C-alpha atoms as a PDB file:
ATOM      1  CA  MET A   1       5.261  64.826  21.899  1.00  0.00           C
ATOM      2  CA  THR A   2       8.408  63.600  23.797  1.00  0.00           C
ATOM      3  CA  LEU A   3      11.163  66.191  24.500  1.00  0.00           C
ATOM      4  CA  THR A   4      14.680  65.091  24.462  1.00  0.00           C
ATOM      5  CA  ARG A   5      17.320  66.276  27.069  1.00  0.00           C
ATOM      6  CA  SER A   6      18.945  68.537  24.614  1.00  0.00           C
ATOM      7  CA  GLN A   7      15.759  70.242  23.911  1.00  0.00           C
ATOM      8  CA  THR A   8      15.017  70.933  27.558  1.00  0.00           C
ATOM      9  CA  GLY A   9      18.528  72.291  27.921  1.00  0.00           C
ATOM     10  CA  LYS A  10      19.725  69.786  30.468  1.00  0.00           C
ATOM     11  CA  THR A  11      22.199  68.329  27.877  1.00  0.00           C
ATOM     12  CA  PRO A  12      24.090  70.649  25.627  1.00  0.00           C
ATOM     13  CA  LYS A  13      23.793  70.159  21.971  1.00  0.00           C
ATOM     14  CA  ARG A  14      26.631  68.581  19.995  1.00  0.00           C
ATOM     15  CA  THR A  15      28.529  71.295  18.119  1.00  0.00           C
ATOM     16  CA  GLN A  16      29.037  70.660  14.441  1.00  0.00           C
ATOM     17  CA  PRO A  17      32.175  71.758  12.673  1.00  0.00           C
ATOM     18  CA  GLU A  18      32.104  74.445  10.046  1.00  0.00           C
ATOM     19  CA  GLY A  19      31.092  73.457   6.669  1.00  0.00           C
ATOM     20  CA  TYR A  20      29.298  70.295   7.868  1.00  0.00           C
ATOM     21  CA  ILE A  21      26.510  69.110   5.602  1.00  0.00           C
ATOM     22  CA  GLU A  22      24.038  66.683   7.056  1.00  0.00           C
ATOM     23  CA  THR A  23      23.445  63.528   5.160  1.00  0.00           C
ATOM     24  CA  PRO A  24      19.757  63.447   4.055  1.00  0.00           C
ATOM     25  CA  ASN A  25      17.564  60.908   5.453  1.00  0.00           C
ATOM     26  CA  ARG A  26      17.026  57.764   3.197  1.00  0.00           C
ATOM     27  CA  ARG A  27      13.458  57.440   1.890  1.00  0.00           C
ATOM     28  CA  VAL A  28      11.925  54.176   2.942  1.00  0.00           C
ATOM     29  CA  THR A  29       9.334  52.775   0.757  1.00  0.00           C
ATOM     30  CA  ARG A  30       6.509  50.995   2.661  1.00  0.00           C
ATOM     31  CA  SER A  31       3.491  49.095   1.761  1.00  0.00           C
ATOM     32  CA  ARG A  32       0.178  50.900   1.702  1.00  0.00           C
ATOM     33  CA  ALA A  33      -1.037  49.063   4.543  1.00  0.00           C
ATOM     34  CA  SER A  34       1.772  50.280   6.867  1.00  0.00           C
ATOM     35  CA  LYS A  35       1.202  54.006   5.601  1.00  0.00           C
ATOM     36  CA  SER A  36      -2.484  54.037   6.271  1.00  0.00           C
ATOM     37  CA  PRO A  37      -3.308  54.351  10.002  1.00  0.00           C
ATOM     38  CA  GLU A  38      -7.088  53.948   9.425  1.00  0.00           C
ATOM     39  CA  TYR A  39      -6.542  50.178   8.758  1.00  0.00           C
ATOM     40  CA  SER A  40      -7.115  47.942  11.749  1.00  0.00           C
ATOM     41  CA  GLU A  41      -4.946  45.024  12.695  1.00  0.00           C
ATOM     42  CA  ALA A  42      -7.608  42.637  11.607  1.00  0.00           C
ATOM     43  CA  GLU A  43      -7.726  44.193   8.127  1.00  0.00           C
ATOM     44  CA  LEU A  44      -3.980  44.160   7.769  1.00  0.00           C
ATOM     45  CA  SER A  45      -3.891  40.473   8.692  1.00  0.00           C
ATOM     46  CA  SER A  46      -6.592  39.631   6.151  1.00  0.00           C
ATOM     47  CA  SER A  47      -4.941  41.639   3.365  1.00  0.00           C
ATOM     48  CA  GLN A  48      -1.502  39.948   4.154  1.00  0.00           C
ATOM     49  CA  MET A  49      -3.304  36.587   4.040  1.00  0.00           C
ATOM     50  CA  LEU A  50      -4.840  37.420   0.688  1.00  0.00           C
ATOM     51  CA  ASP A  51      -1.432  38.562  -0.657  1.00  0.00           C
ATOM     52  CA  SER A  52       0.280  35.376   0.644  1.00  0.00           C
ATOM     53  CA  GLY A  53      -2.442  33.302  -0.828  1.00  0.00           C
ATOM     54  CA  LYS A  54      -1.985  34.902  -4.215  1.00  0.00           C
ATOM     55  CA  VAL A  55       1.804  34.231  -3.998  1.00  0.00           C
ATOM     56  CA  ARG A  56       1.178  30.762  -2.970  1.00  0.00           C
ATOM     57  CA  ARG A  57      -1.210  30.131  -5.843  1.00  0.00           C
ATOM     58  CA  ARG A  58       1.380  31.602  -8.163  1.00  0.00           C
ATOM     59  CA  ARG A  59       4.053  29.285  -6.828  1.00  0.00           C
ATOM     60  CA  ASP A  60       1.632  26.292  -7.003  1.00  0.00           C
ATOM     61  CA  ALA A  61       0.811  27.130 -10.677  1.00  0.00           C
ATOM     62  CA  ASP A  62       4.555  27.461 -11.396  1.00  0.00           C
ATOM     63  CA  THR A  63       5.193  24.145  -9.817  1.00  0.00           C
ATOM     64  CA  VAL A  64       2.325  22.504 -11.816  1.00  0.00           C
ATOM     65  CA  GLU A  65       3.837  23.967 -14.985  1.00  0.00           C
ATOM     66  CA  ASP A  66       7.278  22.697 -14.091  1.00  0.00           C
ATOM     67  CA  ASP A  67       5.941  19.276 -13.395  1.00  0.00           C
ATOM     68  CA  GLY A  68       4.013  19.348 -16.589  1.00  0.00           C
ATOM     69  CA  GLU A  69       7.143  20.303 -18.576  1.00  0.00           C
ATOM     70  CA  ARG A  70       8.979  17.416 -16.820  1.00  0.00           C
ATOM     71  CA  GLU A  71       6.358  14.996 -17.799  1.00  0.00           C
ATOM     72  CA  MET A  72       6.412  16.265 -21.389  1.00  0.00           C
ATOM     73  CA  LYS A  73      10.216  16.035 -21.496  1.00  0.00           C
ATOM     74  CA  ALA A  74      10.050  12.551 -20.054  1.00  0.00           C
ATOM     75  CA  VAL A  75       7.529  11.478 -22.772  1.00  0.00           C
ATOM     76  CA  GLU A  76       9.654  13.046 -25.445  1.00  0.00           C
ATOM     77  CA  ILE A  77      12.871  11.230 -24.173  1.00  0.00           C
ATOM     78  CA  THR A  78      10.922   8.004 -23.940  1.00  0.00           C
ATOM     79  CA  ARG A  79       9.582   8.326 -27.512  1.00  0.00           C
ATOM     80  CA  THR A  80      13.004   9.311 -28.801  1.00  0.00           C
ATOM     81  CA  ASN A  81      14.490   6.187 -27.106  1.00  0.00           C
ATOM     82  CA  GLY A  82      11.860   4.036 -28.572  1.00  0.00           C
ATOM     83  CA  GLN A  83      12.404   5.402 -32.003  1.00  0.00           C
ATOM     84  CA  ALA A  84      16.226   4.854 -31.486  1.00  0.00           C
ATOM     85  CA  ASP A  85      15.834   1.307 -30.454  1.00  0.00           C
ATOM     86  CA  SER A  86      13.478   0.430 -33.166  1.00  0.00           C
ATOM     87  CA  SER A  87      15.784   2.140 -35.721  1.00  0.00           C
ATOM     88  CA  GLU A  88      18.603  -0.348 -34.688  1.00  0.00           C
ATOM     89  CA  MET A  89      16.379  -3.412 -35.514  1.00  0.00           C
ATOM     90  CA  THR A  90      15.984  -4.709 -38.889  1.00  0.00           C
ATOM     91  CA  THR A  91      14.261  -7.733 -40.095  1.00  0.00           C
ATOM     92  CA  LYS A  92      15.585  -9.877 -42.789  1.00  0.00           C
ATOM     93  CA  ASN A  93      13.730 -13.206 -43.895  1.00  0.00           C
ATOM     94  CA  GLY A  94      11.931 -13.148 -40.653  1.00  0.00           C
ATOM     95  CA  VAL A  95      15.163 -12.805 -38.533  1.00  0.00           C
ATOM     96  CA  GLU A  96      15.780  -9.728 -36.505  1.00  0.00           C
ATOM     97  CA  TYR A  97      19.153  -8.046 -36.776  1.00  0.00           C
ATOM     98  CA  THR A  98      20.660  -5.412 -34.511  1.00  0.00           C
ATOM     99  CA  ASP A  99      23.667  -3.202 -34.785  1.00  0.00           C
ATOM    100  CA  HIS A 100      24.233  -2.901 -31.028  1.00  0.00           C
ATOM    101  CA  PHE A 101      27.438  -4.376 -29.753  1.00  0.00           C
ATOM    102  CA  GLU A 102      28.840  -4.931 -26.296  1.00  0.00           C
ATOM    103  CA  PHE A 103      31.960  -6.121 -24.735  1.00  0.00           C
ATOM    104  CA  GLY A 104      34.014  -4.545 -27.384  1.00  0.00           C
ATOM    105  CA  GLY A 105      32.349  -6.216 -30.299  1.00  0.00           C
ATOM    106  CA  SER A 106      33.898  -9.360 -31.992  1.00  0.00           C
ATOM    107  CA  TRP A 107      37.484  -8.701 -30.865  1.00  0.00           C
ATOM    108  CA  GLY A 108      36.421  -8.248 -27.214  1.00  0.00           C
ATOM    109  CA  VAL A 109      34.361 -11.439 -26.997  1.00  0.00           C
ATOM    110  CA  LEU A 110      37.016 -13.360 -28.818  1.00  0.00           C
ATOM    111  CA  SER A 111      39.559 -12.248 -26.276  1.00  0.00           C
ATOM    112  CA  MET A 112      37.282 -13.379 -23.494  1.00  0.00           C
ATOM    113  CA  MET A 113      36.729 -16.770 -24.923  1.00  0.00           C
ATOM    114  CA  VAL A 114      40.410 -17.244 -25.269  1.00  0.00           C
ATOM    115  CA  GLY A 115      41.613 -15.460 -22.253  1.00  0.00           C
ATOM    116  CA  PHE A 116      39.469 -16.786 -19.508  1.00  0.00           C
ATOM    117  CA  PRO A 117      40.281 -20.368 -20.201  1.00  0.00           C
ATOM    118  CA  LEU A 118      43.982 -19.498 -20.319  1.00  0.00           C
ATOM    119  CA  LEU A 119      43.442 -17.576 -17.146  1.00  0.00           C
ATOM    120  CA  MET A 120      41.972 -20.684 -15.511  1.00  0.00           C
ATOM    121  CA  TYR A 121      44.955 -22.833 -16.545  1.00  0.00           C
ATOM    122  CA  TYR A 122      47.369 -20.293 -15.178  1.00  0.00           C
ATOM    123  CA  MET A 123      45.779 -20.086 -11.840  1.00  0.00           C
ATOM    124  CA  TRP A 124      45.478 -23.824 -11.643  1.00  0.00           C
ATOM    125  CA  ILE A 125      49.311 -24.071 -12.231  1.00  0.00           C
ATOM    126  CA  GLY A 126      49.925 -21.500  -9.585  1.00  0.00           C
ATOM    127  CA  ALA A 127      47.870 -23.562  -7.176  1.00  0.00           C
ATOM    128  CA  VAL A 128      49.253 -26.955  -7.881  1.00  0.00           C
ATOM    129  CA  TYR A 129      52.869 -26.411  -8.906  1.00  0.00           C
ATOM    130  CA  TYR A 130      53.797 -22.960  -7.602  1.00  0.00           C
ATOM    131  CA  ASP A 131      52.342 -23.409  -3.968  1.00  0.00           C
ATOM    132  CA  GLY A 132      49.667 -20.923  -4.513  1.00  0.00           C
ATOM    133  CA  HIS A 133      51.948 -18.237  -5.909  1.00  0.00           C
ATOM    134  CA  LEU A 134      51.852 -16.563  -9.405  1.00  0.00           C
ATOM    135  CA  PRO A 135      53.774 -18.581 -11.863  1.00  0.00           C
ATOM    136  CA  ARG A 136      56.706 -16.593 -13.046  1.00  0.00           C
ATOM    137  CA  PRO A 137      59.690 -17.234 -15.278  1.00  0.00           C
ATOM    138  CA  ALA A 138      62.727 -18.546 -13.313  1.00  0.00           C
ATOM    139  CA  GLN A 139      66.015 -16.623 -13.266  1.00  0.00           C
ATOM    140  CA  GLY A 140      67.458 -16.630 -16.782  1.00  0.00           C
ATOM    141  CA  GLN A 141      64.398 -18.384 -18.369  1.00  0.00           C
ATOM    142  CA  SER A 142      63.110 -16.649 -21.520  1.00  0.00           C
ATOM    143  CA  THR A 143      59.443 -15.786 -22.050  1.00  0.00           C
ATOM    144  CA  GLU A 144      59.328 -18.491 -24.705  1.00  0.00           C
ATOM    145  CA  ASP A 145      60.670 -21.210 -22.586  1.00  0.00           C
ATOM    146  CA  PHE A 146      58.260 -20.148 -19.698  1.00  0.00           C
ATOM    147  CA  VAL A 147      55.246 -20.404 -21.965  1.00  0.00           C
ATOM    148  CA  LYS A 148      56.458 -23.794 -23.194  1.00  0.00           C
ATOM    149  CA  HIS A 149      57.006 -24.783 -19.669  1.00  0.00           C
ATOM    150  CA  LEU A 150      53.351 -23.954 -18.652  1.00  0.00           C
ATOM    151  CA  GLY A 151      51.955 -25.652 -21.703  1.00  0.00           C
ATOM    152  CA  GLN A 152      53.910 -28.774 -20.700  1.00  0.00           C
ATOM    153  CA  LEU A 153      52.512 -28.659 -17.117  1.00  0.00           C
ATOM    154  CA  VAL A 154      48.950 -28.312 -18.623  1.00  0.00           C
ATOM    155  CA  TYR A 155      49.488 -31.287 -20.839  1.00  0.00           C
ATOM    156  CA  GLU A 156      50.787 -33.417 -17.959  1.00  0.00           C
ATOM    157  CA  GLY A 157      48.523 -32.494 -15.207  1.00  0.00           C
ATOM    158  CA  ALA A 158      45.309 -31.315 -16.956  1.00  0.00           C
ATOM    159  CA  PHE A 159      44.895 -33.514 -20.050  1.00  0.00           C
ATOM    160  CA  PRO A 160      41.243 -34.502 -20.433  1.00  0.00           C
ATOM    161  CA  SER A 161      41.419 -38.046 -19.619  1.00  0.00           C
ATOM    162  CA  VAL A 162      38.668 -40.777 -20.273  1.00  0.00           C
ATOM    163  CA  LYS A 163      38.166 -40.830 -16.592  1.00  0.00           C
ATOM    164  CA  ALA A 164      37.639 -37.178 -16.353  1.00  0.00           C
ATOM    165  CA  TRP A 165      35.025 -37.405 -19.349  1.00  0.00           C
ATOM    166  CA  ALA A 166      33.239 -40.096 -17.522  1.00  0.00           C
ATOM    167  CA  ILE A 167      33.083 -38.284 -14.271  1.00  0.00           C
ATOM    168  CA  TYR A 168      31.814 -34.964 -15.695  1.00  0.00           C
ATOM    169  CA  TRP A 169      29.440 -36.364 -18.090  1.00  0.00           C
ATOM    170  CA  GLY A 170      28.124 -38.812 -15.536  1.00  0.00           C
ATOM    171  CA  PHE A 171      27.381 -35.924 -13.339  1.00  0.00           C
ATOM    172  CA  PHE A 172      25.844 -33.824 -16.214  1.00  0.00           C
ATOM    173  CA  ILE A 173      23.452 -36.646 -17.150  1.00  0.00           C
ATOM    174  CA  PHE A 174      22.611 -37.300 -13.528  1.00  0.00           C
ATOM    175  CA  GLU A 175      21.655 -33.726 -12.965  1.00  0.00           C
ATOM    176  CA  ALA A 176      19.609 -33.685 -16.347  1.00  0.00           C
ATOM    177  CA  LEU A 177      17.581 -36.622 -15.091  1.00  0.00           C
ATOM    178  CA  CYS A 178      17.065 -34.929 -11.753  1.00  0.00           C
ATOM    179  CA  TYR A 179      15.852 -31.799 -13.579  1.00  0.00           C
ATOM    180  CA  LEU A 180      13.326 -33.890 -15.610  1.00  0.00           C
ATOM    181  CA  PHE A 181      11.933 -36.377 -13.273  1.00  0.00           C
ATOM    182  CA  LEU A 182      12.340 -35.117  -9.625  1.00  0.00           C
ATOM    183  CA  PRO A 183       9.345 -33.363  -8.093  1.00  0.00           C
ATOM    184  CA  GLY A 184       9.129 -29.639  -8.296  1.00  0.00           C
ATOM    185  CA  ILE A 185       6.882 -26.794  -9.395  1.00  0.00           C
ATOM    186  CA  VAL A 186       6.083 -25.716 -13.024  1.00  0.00           C
ATOM    187  CA  VAL A 187       6.220 -21.933 -13.569  1.00  0.00           C
ATOM    188  CA  LYS A 188       5.244 -19.827 -16.600  1.00  0.00           C
ATOM    189  CA  GLY A 189       7.662 -17.533 -17.985  1.00  0.00           C
ATOM    190  CA  ARG A 190       7.269 -13.961 -19.315  1.00  0.00           C
ATOM    191  CA  PRO A 191       5.401 -13.490 -22.627  1.00  0.00           C
ATOM    192  CA  LEU A 192       7.862 -13.503 -25.529  1.00  0.00           C
ATOM    193  CA  GLU A 193       7.170 -10.831 -28.250  1.00  0.00           C
ATOM    194  CA  HIS A 194       9.148 -12.814 -30.988  1.00  0.00           C
ATOM    195  CA  LEU A 195       6.906 -15.926 -30.347  1.00  0.00           C
ATOM    196  CA  GLY A 196       3.580 -13.875 -30.313  1.00  0.00           C
ATOM    197  CA  GLY A 197       3.266 -13.679 -26.604  1.00  0.00           C
ATOM    198  CA  LYS A 198       3.878 -17.346 -25.915  1.00  0.00           C
ATOM    199  CA  GLN A 199       4.779 -18.278 -22.316  1.00  0.00           C
ATOM    200  CA  LEU A 200       7.230 -21.149 -21.939  1.00  0.00           C
ATOM    201  CA  THR A 201       7.047 -23.427 -19.042  1.00  0.00           C
ATOM    202  CA  TYR A 202       9.873 -24.190 -16.758  1.00  0.00           C
ATOM    203  CA  ARG A 203      10.477 -27.085 -14.393  1.00  0.00           C
ATOM    204  CA  CYS A 204      11.825 -25.885 -11.060  1.00  0.00           C
ATOM    205  CA  SER A 205      13.032 -29.003  -9.254  1.00  0.00           C
ATOM    206  CA  ALA A 206      16.281 -27.605  -7.921  1.00  0.00           C
ATOM    207  CA  VAL A 207      15.590 -28.236  -4.306  1.00  0.00           C
ATOM    208  CA  ALA A 208      14.996 -31.902  -4.878  1.00  0.00           C
ATOM    209  CA  SER A 209      17.873 -32.004  -7.172  1.00  0.00           C
ATOM    210  CA  PHE A 210      20.111 -30.324  -4.638  1.00  0.00           C
ATOM    211  CA  TYR A 211      19.457 -32.682  -1.568  1.00  0.00           C
ATOM    212  CA  THR A 212      19.341 -35.756  -3.924  1.00  0.00           C
ATOM    213  CA  THR A 213      22.917 -34.706  -5.319  1.00  0.00           C
ATOM    214  CA  ILE A 214      24.219 -34.461  -1.649  1.00  0.00           C
ATOM    215  CA  ILE A 215      22.804 -37.757  -0.574  1.00  0.00           C
ATOM    216  CA  VAL A 216      24.008 -39.685  -3.640  1.00  0.00           C
ATOM    217  CA  ALA A 217      27.587 -38.075  -3.291  1.00  0.00           C
ATOM    218  CA  VAL A 218      27.898 -38.842   0.463  1.00  0.00           C
ATOM    219  CA  GLY A 219      26.673 -42.454  -0.271  1.00  0.00           C
ATOM    220  CA  LEU A 220      29.163 -42.870  -3.056  1.00  0.00           C
ATOM    221  CA  HIS A 221      31.947 -41.719  -0.874  1.00  0.00           C
ATOM    222  CA  VAL A 222      30.996 -43.806   2.199  1.00  0.00           C
ATOM    223  CA  SER A 223      30.588 -46.908  -0.049  1.00  0.00           C
ATOM    224  CA  GLY A 224      34.034 -46.463  -1.674  1.00  0.00           C
ATOM    225  CA  LEU A 225      32.456 -46.443  -5.056  1.00  0.00           C
ATOM    226  CA  PHE A 226      33.531 -42.870  -5.679  1.00  0.00           C
ATOM    227  CA  LYS A 227      35.573 -40.958  -3.208  1.00  0.00           C
ATOM    228  CA  LEU A 228      34.765 -37.346  -3.114  1.00  0.00           C
ATOM    229  CA  TYR A 229      38.469 -36.307  -2.920  1.00  0.00           C
ATOM    230  CA  THR A 230      38.784 -37.747  -6.383  1.00  0.00           C
ATOM    231  CA  ILE A 231      37.399 -34.457  -7.694  1.00  0.00           C
ATOM    232  CA  ILE A 232      40.480 -32.761  -6.067  1.00  0.00           C
ATOM    233  CA  ASP A 233      42.908 -35.350  -7.480  1.00  0.00           C
ATOM    234  CA  GLU A 234      41.374 -34.999 -10.964  1.00  0.00           C
ATOM    235  CA  PHE A 235      40.660 -31.327 -10.812  1.00  0.00           C
ATOM    236  CA  GLY A 236      42.976 -30.519 -13.781  1.00  0.00           C
ATOM    237  CA  PRO A 237      41.482 -33.060 -16.076  1.00  0.00           C
ATOM    238  CA  LEU A 238      37.992 -32.198 -14.945  1.00  0.00           C
ATOM    239  CA  MET A 239      38.518 -28.475 -15.662  1.00  0.00           C
ATOM    240  CA  SER A 240      39.759 -29.194 -19.157  1.00  0.00           C
ATOM    241  CA  VAL A 241      36.700 -31.457 -19.782  1.00  0.00           C
ATOM    242  CA  ALA A 242      34.434 -28.707 -18.446  1.00  0.00           C
ATOM    243  CA  ILE A 243      35.982 -26.033 -20.841  1.00  0.00           C
ATOM    244  CA  LEU A 244      35.748 -28.358 -23.800  1.00  0.00           C
ATOM    245  CA  THR A 245      32.187 -29.260 -22.825  1.00  0.00           C
ATOM    246  CA  GLY A 246      31.196 -25.552 -22.701  1.00  0.00           C
ATOM    247  CA  PHE A 247      32.508 -25.021 -26.269  1.00  0.00           C
ATOM    248  CA  ILE A 248      30.899 -28.150 -27.674  1.00  0.00           C
ATOM    249  CA  ILE A 249      27.455 -27.387 -26.193  1.00  0.00           C
ATOM    250  CA  SER A 250      27.797 -23.754 -27.403  1.00  0.00           C
ATOM    251  CA  PHE A 251      28.863 -24.864 -30.980  1.00  0.00           C
ATOM    252  CA  ILE A 252      25.820 -27.263 -31.152  1.00  0.00           C
ATOM    253  CA  ALA A 253      23.332 -24.636 -29.827  1.00  0.00           C
ATOM    254  CA  TYR A 254      24.572 -21.987 -32.107  1.00  0.00           C
ATOM    255  CA  PHE A 255      24.663 -23.979 -35.377  1.00  0.00           C
ATOM    256  CA  SER A 256      21.452 -25.738 -34.478  1.00  0.00           C
ATOM    257  CA  ALA A 257      19.708 -22.393 -34.108  1.00  0.00           C
ATOM    258  CA  LEU A 258      20.947 -21.285 -37.560  1.00  0.00           C
ATOM    259  CA  ALA A 259      19.843 -24.521 -39.112  1.00  0.00           C
ATOM    260  CA  ARG A 260      16.399 -24.235 -37.612  1.00  0.00           C
ATOM    261  CA  GLY A 261      16.116 -20.498 -38.306  1.00  0.00           C
ATOM    262  CA  ALA A 262      15.596 -19.944 -34.529  1.00  0.00           C
ATOM    263  CA  GLN A 263      18.123 -17.091 -34.250  1.00  0.00           C
ATOM    264  CA  HIS A 264      16.877 -13.905 -32.730  1.00  0.00           C
ATOM    265  CA  ARG A 265      18.270 -10.379 -32.502  1.00  0.00           C
ATOM    266  CA  ILE A 266      21.764 -11.181 -33.989  1.00  0.00           C
ATOM    267  CA  THR A 267      24.289  -8.936 -35.611  1.00  0.00           C
ATOM    268  CA  GLY A 268      25.469 -11.154 -38.493  1.00  0.00           C
ATOM    269  CA  TYR A 269      28.957 -11.468 -37.079  1.00  0.00           C
ATOM    270  CA  HIS A 270      29.454 -15.109 -36.109  1.00  0.00           C
ATOM    271  CA  ILE A 271      32.053 -14.570 -33.426  1.00  0.00           C
ATOM    272  CA  TYR A 272      29.973 -12.122 -31.637  1.00  0.00           C
ATOM    273  CA  ASP A 273      26.745 -13.998 -32.108  1.00  0.00           C
ATOM    274  CA  PHE A 274      28.302 -17.254 -31.020  1.00  0.00           C
ATOM    275  CA  PHE A 275      29.376 -15.592 -27.748  1.00  0.00           C
ATOM    276  CA  MET A 276      26.020 -13.747 -27.135  1.00  0.00           C
ATOM    277  CA  GLY A 277      23.894 -16.781 -28.308  1.00  0.00           C
ATOM    278  CA  ALA A 278      21.744 -17.025 -31.432  1.00  0.00           C
ATOM    279  CA  GLU A 279      18.610 -18.558 -29.885  1.00  0.00           C
ATOM    280  CA  LEU A 280      16.899 -16.725 -27.049  1.00  0.00           C
ATOM    281  CA  ASN A 281      15.501 -19.739 -25.200  1.00  0.00           C
ATOM    282  CA  PRO A 282      17.440 -22.786 -26.324  1.00  0.00           C
ATOM    283  CA  ARG A 283      15.860 -26.179 -25.305  1.00  0.00           C
ATOM    284  CA  MET A 284      16.736 -29.854 -25.838  1.00  0.00           C
ATOM    285  CA  PHE A 285      13.845 -31.717 -27.270  1.00  0.00           C
ATOM    286  CA  GLY A 286      11.579 -28.924 -26.038  1.00  0.00           C
ATOM    287  CA  ILE A 287      11.802 -29.916 -22.275  1.00  0.00           C
ATOM    288  CA  LEU A 288      15.161 -29.364 -20.923  1.00  0.00           C
ATOM    289  CA  ASP A 289      15.855 -25.515 -20.883  1.00  0.00           C
ATOM    290  CA  PHE A 290      19.522 -24.705 -21.174  1.00  0.00           C
ATOM    291  CA  LYS A 291      19.397 -21.442 -19.276  1.00  0.00           C
ATOM    292  CA  MET A 292      17.417 -22.948 -16.376  1.00  0.00           C
ATOM    293  CA  PHE A 293      19.537 -26.108 -16.236  1.00  0.00           C
ATOM    294  CA  PHE A 294      23.035 -24.274 -16.401  1.00  0.00           C
ATOM    295  CA  GLU A 295      21.819 -21.378 -14.013  1.00  0.00           C
ATOM    296  CA  VAL A 296      22.149 -23.289 -10.726  1.00  0.00           C
ATOM    297  CA  ARG A 297      22.738 -26.902 -10.965  1.00  0.00           C
ATOM    298  CA  LEU A 298      26.156 -26.964 -12.786  1.00  0.00           C
ATOM    299  CA  PRO A 299      27.969 -24.073 -11.198  1.00  0.00           C
ATOM    300  CA  TRP A 300      26.966 -24.196  -7.603  1.00  0.00           C
ATOM    301  CA  TYR A 301      26.598 -27.759  -7.127  1.00  0.00           C
ATOM    302  CA  ILE A 302      29.968 -28.367  -8.593  1.00  0.00           C
ATOM    303  CA  LEU A 303      31.399 -25.753  -6.357  1.00  0.00           C
ATOM    304  CA  LEU A 304      29.871 -27.374  -3.360  1.00  0.00           C
ATOM    305  CA  LEU A 305      31.013 -30.816  -4.462  1.00  0.00           C
ATOM    306  CA  VAL A 306      34.737 -29.428  -4.889  1.00  0.00           C
ATOM    307  CA  THR A 307      34.596 -28.091  -1.292  1.00  0.00           C
ATOM    308  CA  MET A 308      33.151 -31.442  -0.015  1.00  0.00           C
ATOM    309  CA  GLY A 309      36.150 -33.181  -1.759  1.00  0.00           C
ATOM    310  CA  ALA A 310      38.625 -30.720  -0.063  1.00  0.00           C
ATOM    311  CA  ALA A 311      37.030 -31.450   3.341  1.00  0.00           C
ATOM    312  CA  ALA A 312      37.094 -35.253   2.644  1.00  0.00           C
ATOM    313  CA  ARG A 313      40.790 -35.008   1.676  1.00  0.00           C
ATOM    314  CA  GLN A 314      41.656 -33.218   4.805  1.00  0.00           C
ATOM    315  CA  TYR A 315      39.713 -35.612   6.982  1.00  0.00           C
ATOM    316  CA  GLU A 316      41.355 -38.604   5.137  1.00  0.00           C
ATOM    317  CA  ARG A 317      44.819 -37.304   5.737  1.00  0.00           C
ATOM    318  CA  TYR A 318      44.772 -35.472   8.989  1.00  0.00           C
ATOM    319  CA  GLY A 319      41.619 -36.911  10.780  1.00  0.00           C
ATOM    320  CA  TYR A 320      39.928 -33.399  10.911  1.00  0.00           C
ATOM    321  CA  VAL A 321      38.786 -30.585   8.801  1.00  0.00           C
ATOM    322  CA  THR A 322      40.238 -27.196   9.320  1.00  0.00           C
ATOM    323  CA  GLY A 323      38.148 -24.174  10.297  1.00  0.00           C
ATOM    324  CA  GLU A 324      38.714 -22.490   6.898  1.00  0.00           C
ATOM    325  CA  VAL A 325      37.529 -25.448   4.833  1.00  0.00           C
ATOM    326  CA  GLY A 326      34.663 -25.886   7.260  1.00  0.00           C
ATOM    327  CA  PHE A 327      33.628 -22.287   6.760  1.00  0.00           C
ATOM    328  CA  LEU A 328      33.712 -22.568   2.984  1.00  0.00           C
ATOM    329  CA  LEU A 329      31.760 -25.734   3.213  1.00  0.00           C
ATOM    330  CA  MET A 330      29.080 -24.036   5.163  1.00  0.00           C
ATOM    331  CA  ALA A 331      28.988 -21.015   2.961  1.00  0.00           C
ATOM    332  CA  HIS A 332      28.828 -22.852  -0.311  1.00  0.00           C
ATOM    333  CA  PHE A 333      26.150 -25.107   1.100  1.00  0.00           C
ATOM    334  CA  LEU A 334      24.028 -22.075   2.097  1.00  0.00           C
ATOM    335  CA  TYR A 335      24.440 -20.380  -1.163  1.00  0.00           C
ATOM    336  CA  ALA A 336      23.606 -23.404  -3.290  1.00  0.00           C
ATOM    337  CA  ASN A 337      20.658 -24.217  -1.018  1.00  0.00           C
ATOM    338  CA  ALA A 338      19.302 -20.552  -1.426  1.00  0.00           C
ATOM    339  CA  CYS A 339      19.803 -20.629  -5.128  1.00  0.00           C
ATOM    340  CA  SER A 340      17.931 -23.985  -5.371  1.00  0.00           C
ATOM    341  CA  LYS A 341      15.017 -22.682  -3.148  1.00  0.00           C
ATOM    342  CA  GLY A 342      14.759 -19.575  -5.253  1.00  0.00           C
ATOM    343  CA  GLU A 343      15.034 -21.019  -8.667  1.00  0.00           C
ATOM    344  CA  GLU A 344      11.610 -19.971  -9.708  1.00  0.00           C
ATOM    345  CA  CYS A 345      12.436 -16.374  -8.840  1.00  0.00           C
ATOM    346  CA  ILE A 346      15.099 -16.417 -11.584  1.00  0.00           C
ATOM    347  CA  ILE A 347      12.494 -16.734 -14.433  1.00  0.00           C
ATOM    348  CA  PRO A 348      10.937 -13.221 -14.116  1.00  0.00           C
ATOM    349  CA  THR A 349      14.474 -11.713 -14.535  1.00  0.00           C
ATOM    350  CA  TRP A 350      14.936 -12.996 -18.113  1.00  0.00           C
END
């Protein structure tokens, strides 16, 4: 046993004041392995490993139970959602009805159908008559007079003339012919539940249509038969024709679906159903699919042609094309080209 210096007398013991009570030592609880000196180090290690193995197995079991509970909850949620979705759908006379609304219902979609064309006219007026600024009432001009002034500008500069109808519908018919007769690939769509699993076929000829459109447009411009900057000069009337054409085709598609009994998943509210569409896959004569045709050809080809017209106008006036217009021309070409090349990739997303 080791003796301390105080016990040998070399260092005097510390004196304690009178009445001092020593704090009792804290009892430390130790494991049985630490209190038993007869256990060897190997036995202690093995016992600790067994204990840790039991803890690990308990933790693994708890994890499995937690995962199982999560899976059961996920299944219950999925079943609940499926029941909720199915409860929203009702069938009357073979037509599926739903009570699910988006965009604020009938009032919301009506506001968009009226507001977006008005916004287009407002932005066009600002670009043409206000040097790119927002149209605002003049000093002392009342709101009523300002609105009448805007209407007069639209009537004078954006009236849907016969020339605009001929240009737009000529392009429309040309693209439809390209869709039907130019080479491409035929892709099967996803199985449609409401048609008994039938898969519709889609013609994907956008690549050939894209380059044919560019070649024909450049040829018409160079020959003088149709200058590309005519699109810029007639932009207001062409915009009016495009808006009217959209409403006309929508009316035909909607009421045609009702007449043929081809409506699917509608609400019974005509304004909302007109905006959302009554027929799931509208087609003209069973060959020209409206969704496929309008997805790429009309919006992005028209945007590219407008940019080409702006570049042609700059070159005709100044003898060069500015960097800004050149950059937009490159960007719109690349985007329309990418959309055309990936046209068949759109079908699985429907």
